[in-house]
PDB file of N, CA and C in Angstrom:
ATOM      1  N   MET A   1      -1.245  10.993  14.537  1.00  0.00           N
ATOM      2  CA  MET A   1       0.190  10.833  14.466  1.00  0.00           C
ATOM      3  C   MET A   1       0.541   9.886  13.317  1.00  0.00           C
ATOM      4  N   ASN A   2       1.526  10.281  12.538  1.00  0.00           N
ATOM      5  CA  ASN A   2       1.970   9.454  11.423  1.00  0.00           C
ATOM      6  C   ASN A   2       2.842   8.313  11.927  1.00  0.00           C
ATOM      7  N   ASP A   3       2.651   7.146  11.320  1.00  0.00           N
ATOM      8  CA  ASP A   3       3.419   5.984  11.746  1.00  0.00           C
ATOM      9  C   ASP A   3       3.524   4.991  10.598  1.00  0.00           C
ATOM     10  N   ILE A   4       4.646   4.286  10.559  1.00  0.00           N
ATOM     11  CA  ILE A   4       4.858   3.192   9.610  1.00  0.00           C
ATOM     12  C   ILE A   4       5.362   2.000  10.408  1.00  0.00           C
ATOM     13  N   VAL A   5       4.679   0.874  10.273  1.00  0.00           N
ATOM     14  CA  VAL A   5       5.097  -0.360  10.928  1.00  0.00           C
ATOM     15  C   VAL A   5       5.165  -1.441   9.858  1.00  0.00           C
ATOM     16  N   THR A   6       6.275  -2.162   9.805  1.00  0.00           N
ATOM     17  CA  THR A   6       6.368  -3.289   8.873  1.00  0.00           C
ATOM     18  C   THR A   6       6.344  -4.583   9.671  1.00  0.00           C
ATOM     19  N   GLU A   7       5.713  -5.572   9.064  1.00  0.00           N
ATOM     20  CA  GLU A   7       5.529  -6.863   9.731  1.00  0.00           C
ATOM     21  C   GLU A   7       5.606  -7.965   8.685  1.00  0.00           C
ATOM     22  N   GLN A   8       6.371  -9.009   8.968  1.00  0.00           N
ATOM     23  CA  GLN A   8       6.488 -10.150   8.063  1.00  0.00           C
ATOM     24  C   GLN A   8       5.352 -11.124   8.338  1.00  0.00           C
ATOM     25  N   ARG A   9       4.609 -11.463   7.304  1.00  0.00           N
ATOM     26  CA  ARG A   9       3.511 -12.429   7.431  1.00  0.00           C
ATOM     27  C   ARG A   9       3.594 -13.392   6.254  1.00  0.00           C
ATOM     28  N   ASP A  10       3.872 -14.646   6.525  1.00  0.00           N
ATOM     29  CA  ASP A  10       4.003 -15.656   5.471  1.00  0.00           C
ATOM     30  C   ASP A  10       4.952 -15.144   4.391  1.00  0.00           C
ATOM     31  N   ASP A  11       4.490 -15.042   3.150  1.00  0.00           N
ATOM     32  CA  ASP A  11       5.353 -14.582   2.061  1.00  0.00           C
ATOM     33  C   ASP A  11       5.141 -13.108   1.749  1.00  0.00           C
ATOM     34  N   LEU A  12       4.527 -12.381   2.666  1.00  0.00           N
ATOM     35  CA  LEU A  12       4.142 -10.995   2.427  1.00  0.00           C
ATOM     36  C   LEU A  12       4.694 -10.098   3.532  1.00  0.00           C
ATOM     37  N   THR A  13       5.193  -8.934   3.145  1.00  0.00           N
ATOM     38  CA  THR A  13       5.540  -7.917   4.139  1.00  0.00           C
ATOM     39  C   THR A  13       4.387  -6.933   4.200  1.00  0.00           C
ATOM     40  N   LEU A  14       3.833  -6.753   5.394  1.00  0.00           N
ATOM     41  CA  LEU A  14       2.785  -5.760   5.596  1.00  0.00           C
ATOM     42  C   LEU A  14       3.444  -4.440   5.951  1.00  0.00           C
ATOM     43  N   VAL A  15       3.043  -3.393   5.259  1.00  0.00           N
ATOM     44  CA  VAL A  15       3.477  -2.043   5.585  1.00  0.00           C
ATOM     45  C   VAL A  15       2.228  -1.328   6.077  1.00  0.00           C
ATOM     46  N   LYS A  16       2.153  -1.138   7.389  1.00  0.00           N
ATOM     47  CA  LYS A  16       0.971  -0.524   7.997  1.00  0.00           C
ATOM     48  C   LYS A  16       1.215   0.971   8.151  1.00  0.00           C
ATOM     49  N   LEU A  17       0.343   1.761   7.534  1.00  0.00           N
ATOM     50  CA  LEU A  17       0.471   3.211   7.584  1.00  0.00           C
ATOM     51  C   LEU A  17      -0.612   3.793   8.477  1.00  0.00           C
ATOM     52  N   ALA A  18      -0.281   4.886   9.147  1.00  0.00           N
ATOM     53  CA  ALA A  18      -1.261   5.584   9.975  1.00  0.00           C
ATOM     54  C   ALA A  18      -1.031   7.086   9.857  1.00  0.00           C
ATOM     55  N   GLY A  19      -2.126   7.830   9.921  1.00  0.00           N
ATOM     56  CA  GLY A  19      -2.034   9.285   9.897  1.00  0.00           C
ATOM     57  C   GLY A  19      -2.279   9.862   8.521  1.00  0.00           C
ATOM     58  N   GLU A  20      -1.596  10.974   8.239  1.00  0.00           N
ATOM     59  CA  GLU A  20      -1.752  11.687   6.976  1.00  0.00           C
ATOM     60  C   GLU A  20      -0.533  11.444   6.094  1.00  0.00           C
ATOM     61  N   VAL A  21      -0.782  10.890   4.926  1.00  0.00           N
ATOM     62  CA  VAL A  21       0.307  10.636   3.982  1.00  0.00           C
ATOM     63  C   VAL A  21       0.327  11.801   3.001  1.00  0.00           C
ATOM     64  N   ASP A  22       1.128  12.808   3.344  1.00  0.00           N
ATOM     65  CA  ASP A  22       1.233  14.005   2.518  1.00  0.00           C
ATOM     66  C   ASP A  22       2.700  14.245   2.164  1.00  0.00           C
ATOM     67  N   LEU A  23       2.973  15.396   1.567  1.00  0.00           N
ATOM     68  CA  LEU A  23       4.318  15.693   1.078  1.00  0.00           C
ATOM     69  C   LEU A  23       5.379  15.571   2.175  1.00  0.00           C
ATOM     70  N   SER A  24       5.024  15.916   3.400  1.00  0.00           N
ATOM     71  CA  SER A  24       6.004  15.857   4.487  1.00  0.00           C
ATOM     72  C   SER A  24       6.304  14.426   4.942  1.00  0.00           C
ATOM     73  N   TRP A  25       5.484  13.478   4.562  1.00  0.00           N
ATOM     74  CA  TRP A  25       5.600  12.105   5.053  1.00  0.00           C
ATOM     75  C   TRP A  25       5.782  11.085   3.929  1.00  0.00           C
ATOM     76  N   SER A  26       5.412  11.439   2.716  1.00  0.00           N
ATOM     77  CA  SER A  26       5.363  10.454   1.630  1.00  0.00           C
ATOM     78  C   SER A  26       6.731   9.882   1.265  1.00  0.00           C
ATOM     79  N   ALA A  27       7.810  10.631   1.453  1.00  0.00           N
ATOM     80  CA  ALA A  27       9.139  10.088   1.138  1.00  0.00           C
ATOM     81  C   ALA A  27       9.456   8.900   2.046  1.00  0.00           C
ATOM     82  N   ARG A  28       9.068   8.980   3.309  1.00  0.00           N
ATOM     83  CA  ARG A  28       9.299   7.866   4.238  1.00  0.00           C
ATOM     84  C   ARG A  28       8.424   6.670   3.870  1.00  0.00           C
ATOM     85  N   VAL A  29       7.201   6.951   3.451  1.00  0.00           N
ATOM     86  CA  VAL A  29       6.305   5.877   3.017  1.00  0.00           C
ATOM     87  C   VAL A  29       6.907   5.174   1.802  1.00  0.00           C
ATOM     88  N   ARG A  30       7.366   5.955   0.847  1.00  0.00           N
ATOM     89  CA  ARG A  30       7.990   5.412  -0.364  1.00  0.00           C
ATOM     90  C   ARG A  30       9.178   4.523  -0.001  1.00  0.00           C
ATOM     91  N   GLU A  31      10.060   5.017   0.872  1.00  0.00           N
ATOM     92  CA  GLU A  31      11.235   4.250   1.285  1.00  0.00           C
ATOM     93  C   GLU A  31      10.839   2.923   1.932  1.00  0.00           C
ATOM     94  N   ALA A  32       9.842   2.953   2.794  1.00  0.00           N
ATOM     95  CA  ALA A  32       9.405   1.726   3.481  1.00  0.00           C
ATOM     96  C   ALA A  32       8.863   0.710   2.485  1.00  0.00           C
ATOM     97  N   ILE A  33       8.075   1.178   1.522  1.00  0.00           N
ATOM     98  CA  ILE A  33       7.498   0.283   0.519  1.00  0.00           C
ATOM     99  C   ILE A  33       8.592  -0.312  -0.365  1.00  0.00           C
ATOM    100  N   LEU A  34       9.479   0.539  -0.871  1.00  0.00           N
ATOM    101  CA  LEU A  34      10.529   0.053  -1.772  1.00  0.00           C
ATOM    102  C   LEU A  34      11.504  -0.872  -1.052  1.00  0.00           C
ATOM    103  N   GLU A  35      11.814  -0.579   0.203  1.00  0.00           N
ATOM    104  CA  GLU A  35      12.693  -1.462   0.976  1.00  0.00           C
ATOM    105  C   GLU A  35      12.049  -2.834   1.169  1.00  0.00           C
ATOM    106  N   ALA A  36      10.769  -2.852   1.475  1.00  0.00           N
ATOM    107  CA  ALA A  36      10.063  -4.125   1.656  1.00  0.00           C
ATOM    108  C   ALA A  36      10.024  -4.917   0.352  1.00  0.00           C
ATOM    109  N   LEU A  37       9.878  -4.227  -0.769  1.00  0.00           N
ATOM    110  CA  LEU A  37       9.792  -4.898  -2.067  1.00  0.00           C
ATOM    111  C   LEU A  37      11.124  -5.481  -2.535  1.00  0.00           C
ATOM    112  N   GLU A  38      12.216  -5.122  -1.887  1.00  0.00           N
ATOM    113  CA  GLU A  38      13.514  -5.667  -2.287  1.00  0.00           C
ATOM    114  C   GLU A  38      13.560  -7.179  -2.135  1.00  0.00           C
ATOM    115  N   THR A  39      12.806  -7.718  -1.181  1.00  0.00           N
ATOM    116  CA  THR A  39      12.889  -9.153  -0.912  1.00  0.00           C
ATOM    117  C   THR A  39      11.561  -9.888  -0.955  1.00  0.00           C
ATOM    118  N   ARG A  40      10.438  -9.177  -0.865  1.00  0.00           N
ATOM    119  CA  ARG A  40       9.151  -9.867  -0.742  1.00  0.00           C
ATOM    120  C   ARG A  40       8.033  -9.080  -1.402  1.00  0.00           C
ATOM    121  N   SER A  41       6.908  -9.766  -1.550  1.00  0.00           N
ATOM    122  CA  SER A  41       5.681  -9.096  -1.962  1.00  0.00           C
ATOM    123  C   SER A  41       5.216  -8.208  -0.816  1.00  0.00           C
ATOM    124  N   VAL A  42       4.390  -7.211  -1.140  1.00  0.00           N
ATOM    125  CA  VAL A  42       4.000  -6.214  -0.137  1.00  0.00           C
ATOM    126  C   VAL A  42       2.496  -6.001  -0.138  1.00  0.00           C
ATOM    127  N   GLY A  43       1.965  -5.871   1.071  1.00  0.00           N
ATOM    128  CA  GLY A  43       0.598  -5.422   1.281  1.00  0.00           C
ATOM    129  C   GLY A  43       0.653  -4.147   2.094  1.00  0.00           C
ATOM    130  N   VAL A  44       0.035  -3.089   1.605  1.00  0.00           N
ATOM    131  CA  VAL A  44       0.028  -1.811   2.315  1.00  0.00           C
ATOM    132  C   VAL A  44      -1.319  -1.669   3.010  1.00  0.00           C
ATOM    133  N   ASP A  45      -1.282  -1.655   4.335  1.00  0.00           N
ATOM    134  CA  ASP A  45      -2.492  -1.538   5.152  1.00  0.00           C
ATOM    135  C   ASP A  45      -2.799  -0.058   5.342  1.00  0.00           C
ATOM    136  N   LEU A  46      -3.926   0.375   4.789  1.00  0.00           N
ATOM    137  CA  LEU A  46      -4.301   1.789   4.789  1.00  0.00           C
ATOM    138  C   LEU A  46      -5.475   2.097   5.713  1.00  0.00           C
ATOM    139  N   ALA A  47      -5.831   1.173   6.578  1.00  0.00           N
ATOM    140  CA  ALA A  47      -7.007   1.348   7.435  1.00  0.00           C
ATOM    141  C   ALA A  47      -6.910   2.582   8.325  1.00  0.00           C
ATOM    142  N   ALA A  48      -5.712   2.923   8.779  1.00  0.00           N
ATOM    143  CA  ALA A  48      -5.548   4.032   9.721  1.00  0.00           C
ATOM    144  C   ALA A  48      -5.071   5.323   9.057  1.00  0.00           C
ATOM    145  N   VAL A  49      -5.163   5.386   7.727  1.00  0.00           N
ATOM    146  CA  VAL A  49      -4.764   6.603   7.014  1.00  0.00           C
ATOM    147  C   VAL A  49      -5.977   7.523   6.905  1.00  0.00           C
ATOM    148  N   SER A  50      -5.833   8.725   7.440  1.00  0.00           N
ATOM    149  CA  SER A  50      -6.949   9.676   7.452  1.00  0.00           C
ATOM    150  C   SER A  50      -6.926  10.630   6.266  1.00  0.00           C
ATOM    151  N   TYR A  51      -5.784  10.718   5.573  1.00  0.00           N
ATOM    152  CA  TYR A  51      -5.641  11.650   4.454  1.00  0.00           C
ATOM    153  C   TYR A  51      -4.480  11.188   3.593  1.00  0.00           C
ATOM    154  N   ILE A  52      -4.624  11.356   2.279  1.00  0.00           N
ATOM    155  CA  ILE A  52      -3.515  11.075   1.364  1.00  0.00           C
ATOM    156  C   ILE A  52      -3.564  12.099   0.243  1.00  0.00           C
ATOM    157  N   ASP A  53      -2.400  12.651  -0.116  1.00  0.00           N
ATOM    158  CA  ASP A  53      -2.355  13.600  -1.219  1.00  0.00           C
ATOM    159  C   ASP A  53      -1.664  12.950  -2.420  1.00  0.00           C
ATOM    160  N   SER A  54      -1.405  13.749  -3.444  1.00  0.00           N
ATOM    161  CA  SER A  54      -0.843  13.193  -4.676  1.00  0.00           C
ATOM    162  C   SER A  54       0.544  12.593  -4.462  1.00  0.00           C
ATOM    163  N   SER A  55       1.313  13.124  -3.521  1.00  0.00           N
ATOM    164  CA  SER A  55       2.636  12.545  -3.270  1.00  0.00           C
ATOM    165  C   SER A  55       2.514  11.163  -2.630  1.00  0.00           C
ATOM    166  N   GLY A  56       1.506  10.976  -1.800  1.00  0.00           N
ATOM    167  CA  GLY A  56       1.248   9.660  -1.219  1.00  0.00           C
ATOM    168  C   GLY A  56       0.783   8.667  -2.267  1.00  0.00           C
ATOM    169  N   ILE A  57      -0.090   9.132  -3.153  1.00  0.00           N
ATOM    170  CA  ILE A  57      -0.551   8.281  -4.255  1.00  0.00           C
ATOM    171  C   ILE A  57       0.630   7.907  -5.142  1.00  0.00           C
ATOM    172  N   ALA A  58       1.520   8.868  -5.395  1.00  0.00           N
ATOM    173  CA  ALA A  58       2.701   8.590  -6.222  1.00  0.00           C
ATOM    174  C   ALA A  58       3.572   7.509  -5.587  1.00  0.00           C
ATOM    175  N   ALA A  59       3.699   7.515  -4.266  1.00  0.00           N
ATOM    176  CA  ALA A  59       4.480   6.477  -3.575  1.00  0.00           C
ATOM    177  C   ALA A  59       3.842   5.107  -3.780  1.00  0.00           C
ATOM    178  N   LEU A  60       2.514   5.045  -3.729  1.00  0.00           N
ATOM    179  CA  LEU A  60       1.813   3.775  -3.956  1.00  0.00           C
ATOM    180  C   LEU A  60       1.983   3.307  -5.402  1.00  0.00           C
ATOM    181  N   VAL A  61       1.870   4.230  -6.346  1.00  0.00           N
ATOM    182  CA  VAL A  61       2.023   3.878  -7.765  1.00  0.00           C
ATOM    183  C   VAL A  61       3.444   3.379  -8.035  1.00  0.00           C
ATOM    184  N   GLU A  62       4.435   4.043  -7.459  1.00  0.00           N
ATOM    185  CA  GLU A  62       5.815   3.582  -7.642  1.00  0.00           C
ATOM    186  C   GLU A  62       6.009   2.192  -7.044  1.00  0.00           C
ATOM    187  N   GLY A  63       5.381   1.950  -5.908  1.00  0.00           N
ATOM    188  CA  GLY A  63       5.440   0.618  -5.313  1.00  0.00           C
ATOM    189  C   GLY A  63       4.853  -0.432  -6.237  1.00  0.00           C
ATOM    190  N   LEU A  64       3.706  -0.124  -6.830  1.00  0.00           N
ATOM    191  CA  LEU A  64       3.064  -1.054  -7.754  1.00  0.00           C
ATOM    192  C   LEU A  64       3.960  -1.328  -8.959  1.00  0.00           C
ATOM    193  N   GLN A  65       4.530  -0.283  -9.533  1.00  0.00           N
ATOM    194  CA  GLN A  65       5.405  -0.454 -10.695  1.00  0.00           C
ATOM    195  C   GLN A  65       6.649  -1.271 -10.345  1.00  0.00           C
ATOM    196  N   THR A  66       7.232  -0.985  -9.189  1.00  0.00           N
ATOM    197  CA  THR A  66       8.416  -1.724  -8.748  1.00  0.00           C
ATOM    198  C   THR A  66       8.086  -3.196  -8.524  1.00  0.00           C
ATOM    199  N   ALA A  67       6.943  -3.451  -7.920  1.00  0.00           N
ATOM    200  CA  ALA A  67       6.515  -4.833  -7.681  1.00  0.00           C
ATOM    201  C   ALA A  67       6.314  -5.576  -8.999  1.00  0.00           C
ATOM    202  N   ARG A  68       5.683  -4.928  -9.945  1.00  0.00           N
ATOM    203  CA  ARG A  68       5.467  -5.571 -11.245  1.00  0.00           C
ATOM    204  C   ARG A  68       6.795  -5.888 -11.919  1.00  0.00           C
ATOM    205  N   ASP A  69       7.727  -4.945 -11.867  1.00  0.00           N
ATOM    206  CA  ASP A  69       9.045  -5.165 -12.472  1.00  0.00           C
ATOM    207  C   ASP A  69       9.772  -6.334 -11.815  1.00  0.00           C
ATOM    208  N   ALA A  70       9.566  -6.511 -10.514  1.00  0.00           N
ATOM    209  CA  ALA A  70      10.225  -7.587  -9.765  1.00  0.00           C
ATOM    210  C   ALA A  70       9.381  -8.859  -9.708  1.00  0.00           C
ATOM    211  N   GLU A  71       8.236  -8.849 -10.388  1.00  0.00           N
ATOM    212  CA  GLU A  71       7.296  -9.974 -10.391  1.00  0.00           C
ATOM    213  C   GLU A  71       6.870 -10.351  -8.974  1.00  0.00           C
ATOM    214  N   ARG A  72       6.538  -9.317  -8.203  1.00  0.00           N
ATOM    215  CA  ARG A  72       6.036  -9.504  -6.841  1.00  0.00           C
ATOM    216  C   ARG A  72       4.611  -8.967  -6.757  1.00  0.00           C
ATOM    217  N   ARG A  73       3.889  -9.450  -5.742  1.00  0.00           N
ATOM    218  CA  ARG A  73       2.531  -8.945  -5.511  1.00  0.00           C
ATOM    219  C   ARG A  73       2.599  -7.612  -4.773  1.00  0.00           C
ATOM    220  N   PHE A  74       1.646  -6.743  -5.053  1.00  0.00           N
ATOM    221  CA  PHE A  74       1.518  -5.464  -4.357  1.00  0.00           C
ATOM    222  C   PHE A  74       0.032  -5.196  -4.217  1.00  0.00           C
ATOM    223  N   VAL A  75      -0.442  -5.200  -2.984  1.00  0.00           N
ATOM    224  CA  VAL A  75      -1.878  -5.029  -2.747  1.00  0.00           C
ATOM    225  C   VAL A  75      -2.101  -3.936  -1.711  1.00  0.00           C
ATOM    226  N   LEU A  76      -3.251  -3.293  -1.816  1.00  0.00           N
ATOM    227  CA  LEU A  76      -3.674  -2.313  -0.821  1.00  0.00           C
ATOM    228  C   LEU A  76      -4.739  -2.977   0.035  1.00  0.00           C
ATOM    229  N   ILE A  77      -4.592  -2.857   1.348  1.00  0.00           N
ATOM    230  CA  ILE A  77      -5.440  -3.579   2.294  1.00  0.00           C
ATOM    231  C   ILE A  77      -6.241  -2.603   3.142  1.00  0.00           C
ATOM    232  N   ALA A  78      -7.512  -2.932   3.353  1.00  0.00           N
ATOM    233  CA  ALA A  78      -8.383  -2.187   4.268  1.00  0.00           C
ATOM    234  C   ALA A  78      -8.319  -0.686   3.993  1.00  0.00           C
ATOM    235  N   THR A  79      -8.476  -0.335   2.745  1.00  0.00           N
ATOM    236  CA  THR A  79      -8.361   1.060   2.333  1.00  0.00           C
ATOM    237  C   THR A  79      -9.408   1.912   3.046  1.00  0.00           C
ATOM    238  N   SER A  80      -8.949   2.939   3.762  1.00  0.00           N
ATOM    239  CA  SER A  80      -9.872   3.823   4.480  1.00  0.00           C
ATOM    240  C   SER A  80     -10.717   4.616   3.483  1.00  0.00           C
ATOM    241  N   LEU A  81     -11.846   5.128   3.927  1.00  0.00           N
ATOM    242  CA  LEU A  81     -12.732   5.883   3.034  1.00  0.00           C
ATOM    243  C   LEU A  81     -12.052   7.099   2.410  1.00  0.00           C
ATOM    244  N   PRO A  82     -11.264   7.893   3.167  1.00  0.00           N
ATOM    245  CA  PRO A  82     -10.594   9.028   2.518  1.00  0.00           C
ATOM    246  C   PRO A  82      -9.625   8.599   1.414  1.00  0.00           C
ATOM    247  N   VAL A  83      -8.906   7.517   1.634  1.00  0.00           N
ATOM    248  CA  VAL A  83      -7.969   7.029   0.619  1.00  0.00           C
ATOM    249  C   VAL A  83      -8.736   6.460  -0.568  1.00  0.00           C
ATOM    250  N   LEU A  84      -9.766   5.700  -0.300  1.00  0.00           N
ATOM    251  CA  LEU A  84     -10.567   5.120  -1.378  1.00  0.00           C
ATOM    252  C   LEU A  84     -11.166   6.209  -2.258  1.00  0.00           C
ATOM    253  N   ALA A  85     -11.617   7.296  -1.658  1.00  0.00           N
ATOM    254  CA  ALA A  85     -12.189   8.402  -2.435  1.00  0.00           C
ATOM    255  C   ALA A  85     -11.165   8.974  -3.408  1.00  0.00           C
ATOM    256  N   VAL A  86      -9.928   9.141  -2.970  1.00  0.00           N
ATOM    257  CA  VAL A  86      -8.875   9.664  -3.844  1.00  0.00           C
ATOM    258  C   VAL A  86      -8.544   8.651  -4.940  1.00  0.00           C
ATOM    259  N   LEU A  87      -8.438   7.381  -4.583  1.00  0.00           N
ATOM    260  CA  LEU A  87      -8.156   6.345  -5.586  1.00  0.00           C
ATOM    261  C   LEU A  87      -9.252   6.291  -6.643  1.00  0.00           C
ATOM    262  N   GLU A  88     -10.507   6.389  -6.209  1.00  0.00           N
ATOM    263  CA  GLU A  88     -11.621   6.362  -7.158  1.00  0.00           C
ATOM    264  C   GLU A  88     -11.617   7.595  -8.051  1.00  0.00           C
ATOM    265  N   LEU A  89     -11.338   8.756  -7.479  1.00  0.00           N
ATOM    266  CA  LEU A  89     -11.294   9.994  -8.255  1.00  0.00           C
ATOM    267  C   LEU A  89     -10.247   9.907  -9.365  1.00  0.00           C
ATOM    268  N   ALA A  90      -9.112   9.312  -9.047  1.00  0.00           N
ATOM    269  CA  ALA A  90      -8.031   9.152 -10.026  1.00  0.00           C
ATOM    270  C   ALA A  90      -8.186   7.880 -10.861  1.00  0.00           C
ATOM    271  N   ARG A  91      -9.255   7.140 -10.610  1.00  0.00           N
ATOM    272  CA  ARG A  91      -9.535   5.867 -11.277  1.00  0.00           C
ATOM    273  C   ARG A  91      -8.447   4.814 -11.025  1.00  0.00           C
ATOM    274  N   LEU A  92      -7.734   4.974  -9.944  1.00  0.00           N
ATOM    275  CA  LEU A  92      -6.696   4.010  -9.592  1.00  0.00           C
ATOM    276  C   LEU A  92      -7.253   2.808  -8.851  1.00  0.00           C
ATOM    277  N   ASP A  93      -8.512   2.881  -8.453  1.00  0.00           N
ATOM    278  CA  ASP A  93      -9.149   1.711  -7.838  1.00  0.00           C
ATOM    279  C   ASP A  93      -9.247   0.572  -8.844  1.00  0.00           C
ATOM    280  N   ARG A  94      -9.106   0.892 -10.126  1.00  0.00           N
ATOM    281  CA  ARG A  94      -9.133  -0.120 -11.187  1.00  0.00           C
ATOM    282  C   ARG A  94      -7.736  -0.664 -11.483  1.00  0.00           C
ATOM    283  N   VAL A  95      -6.726   0.016 -10.974  1.00  0.00           N
ATOM    284  CA  VAL A  95      -5.335  -0.356 -11.240  1.00  0.00           C
ATOM    285  C   VAL A  95      -4.764  -1.206 -10.107  1.00  0.00           C
ATOM    286  N   PHE A  96      -5.039  -0.798  -8.879  1.00  0.00           N
ATOM    287  CA  PHE A  96      -4.541  -1.516  -7.704  1.00  0.00           C
ATOM    288  C   PHE A  96      -5.446  -2.688  -7.359  1.00  0.00           C
ATOM    289  N   THR A  97      -4.865  -3.694  -6.727  1.00  0.00           N
ATOM    290  CA  THR A  97      -5.649  -4.762  -6.110  1.00  0.00           C
ATOM    291  C   THR A  97      -6.014  -4.283  -4.715  1.00  0.00           C
ATOM    292  N   LEU A  98      -7.319  -4.116  -4.463  1.00  0.00           N
ATOM    293  CA  LEU A  98      -7.818  -3.637  -3.175  1.00  0.00           C
ATOM    294  C   LEU A  98      -8.438  -4.809  -2.429  1.00  0.00           C
ATOM    295  N   LEU A  99      -7.953  -5.070  -1.232  1.00  0.00           N
ATOM    296  CA  LEU A  99      -8.443  -6.190  -0.430  1.00  0.00           C
ATOM    297  C   LEU A  99      -9.027  -5.681   0.883  1.00  0.00           C
ATOM    298  N   PRO A 100     -10.057  -6.363   1.393  1.00  0.00           N
ATOM    299  CA  PRO A 100     -10.748  -5.862   2.586  1.00  0.00           C
ATOM    300  C   PRO A 100      -9.985  -6.037   3.888  1.00  0.00           C
ATOM    301  N   ASP A 101      -9.078  -7.025   3.949  1.00  0.00           N
ATOM    302  CA  ASP A 101      -8.395  -7.293   5.220  1.00  0.00           C
ATOM    303  C   ASP A 101      -7.098  -8.063   4.979  1.00  0.00           C
ATOM    304  N   VAL A 102      -6.307  -8.162   6.030  1.00  0.00           N
ATOM    305  CA  VAL A 102      -5.013  -8.842   5.935  1.00  0.00           C
ATOM    306  C   VAL A 102      -5.184 -10.308   5.556  1.00  0.00           C
ATOM    307  N   GLY A 103      -6.197 -10.955   6.095  1.00  0.00           N
ATOM    308  CA  GLY A 103      -6.440 -12.358   5.776  1.00  0.00           C
ATOM    309  C   GLY A 103      -6.583 -12.591   4.283  1.00  0.00           C
ATOM    310  N   SER A 104      -7.254 -11.691   3.609  1.00  0.00           N
ATOM    311  CA  SER A 104      -7.409 -11.805   2.153  1.00  0.00           C
ATOM    312  C   SER A 104      -6.066 -11.679   1.443  1.00  0.00           C
ATOM    313  N   ALA A 105      -5.193 -10.844   1.965  1.00  0.00           N
ATOM    314  CA  ALA A 105      -3.877 -10.649   1.352  1.00  0.00           C
ATOM    315  C   ALA A 105      -2.993 -11.873   1.506  1.00  0.00           C
ATOM    316  N   LEU A 106      -3.246 -12.659   2.534  1.00  0.00           N
ATOM    317  CA  LEU A 106      -2.426 -13.841   2.782  1.00  0.00           C
ATOM    318  C   LEU A 106      -2.881 -15.050   1.984  1.00  0.00           C
ATOM    319  N   ARG A 107      -3.967 -14.910   1.225  1.00  0.00           N
ATOM    320  CA  ARG A 107      -4.460 -15.987   0.366  1.00  0.00           C
ATOM    321  C   ARG A 107      -4.132 -15.630  -1.085  1.00  0.00           C
ATOM    322  N   PRO A 108      -3.003 -16.118  -1.616  1.00  0.00           N
ATOM    323  CA  PRO A 108      -2.557 -15.739  -2.956  1.00  0.00           C
ATOM    324  C   PRO A 108      -3.587 -15.946  -4.049  1.00  0.00           C
ATOM    325  N   ALA A 109      -4.449 -16.935  -3.928  1.00  0.00           N
ATOM    326  CA  ALA A 109      -5.437 -17.193  -4.980  1.00  0.00           C
ATOM    327  C   ALA A 109      -6.372 -16.011  -5.162  1.00  0.00           C
ATOM    328  N   GLU A 110      -6.558 -15.196  -4.138  1.00  0.00           N
ATOM    329  CA  GLU A 110      -7.486 -14.078  -4.228  1.00  0.00           C
ATOM    330  C   GLU A 110      -6.849 -12.792  -4.726  1.00  0.00           C
ATOM    331  N   VAL A 111      -5.533 -12.724  -4.804  1.00  0.00           N
ATOM    332  CA  VAL A 111      -4.901 -11.471  -5.168  1.00  0.00           C
ATOM    333  C   VAL A 111      -4.489 -11.386  -6.629  1.00  0.00           C
ATOM    334  N   GLY A 112      -4.615 -12.465  -7.353  1.00  0.00           N
ATOM    335  CA  GLY A 112      -4.387 -12.454  -8.778  1.00  0.00           C
ATOM    336  C   GLY A 112      -3.063 -12.033  -9.261  1.00  0.00           C
TER     337      GLY A 112
END
């Protein structure tokens, strides 16, 4: 089942995604990320994502670009193996900051 949960943690909004992030769901993911970025830095928790297609990747890339424009942090957290495989294939694992867990995202010195 697809789900989006947002949670405020220190200076970071966590956007927790679950399920398949595909064309039918990616617009909602995009909206959640961009809404969170209006006021705070964002960490997208991908641990429970079982599948992501190009529209889902596009939502993440737009989030990263928006965060950079607003001088906010944007990190991907606990990236699941299916998502990591797509990021590596597109060589986006070199573009995004990938962190192993939420605790790492809450330590600004580690997110660069």
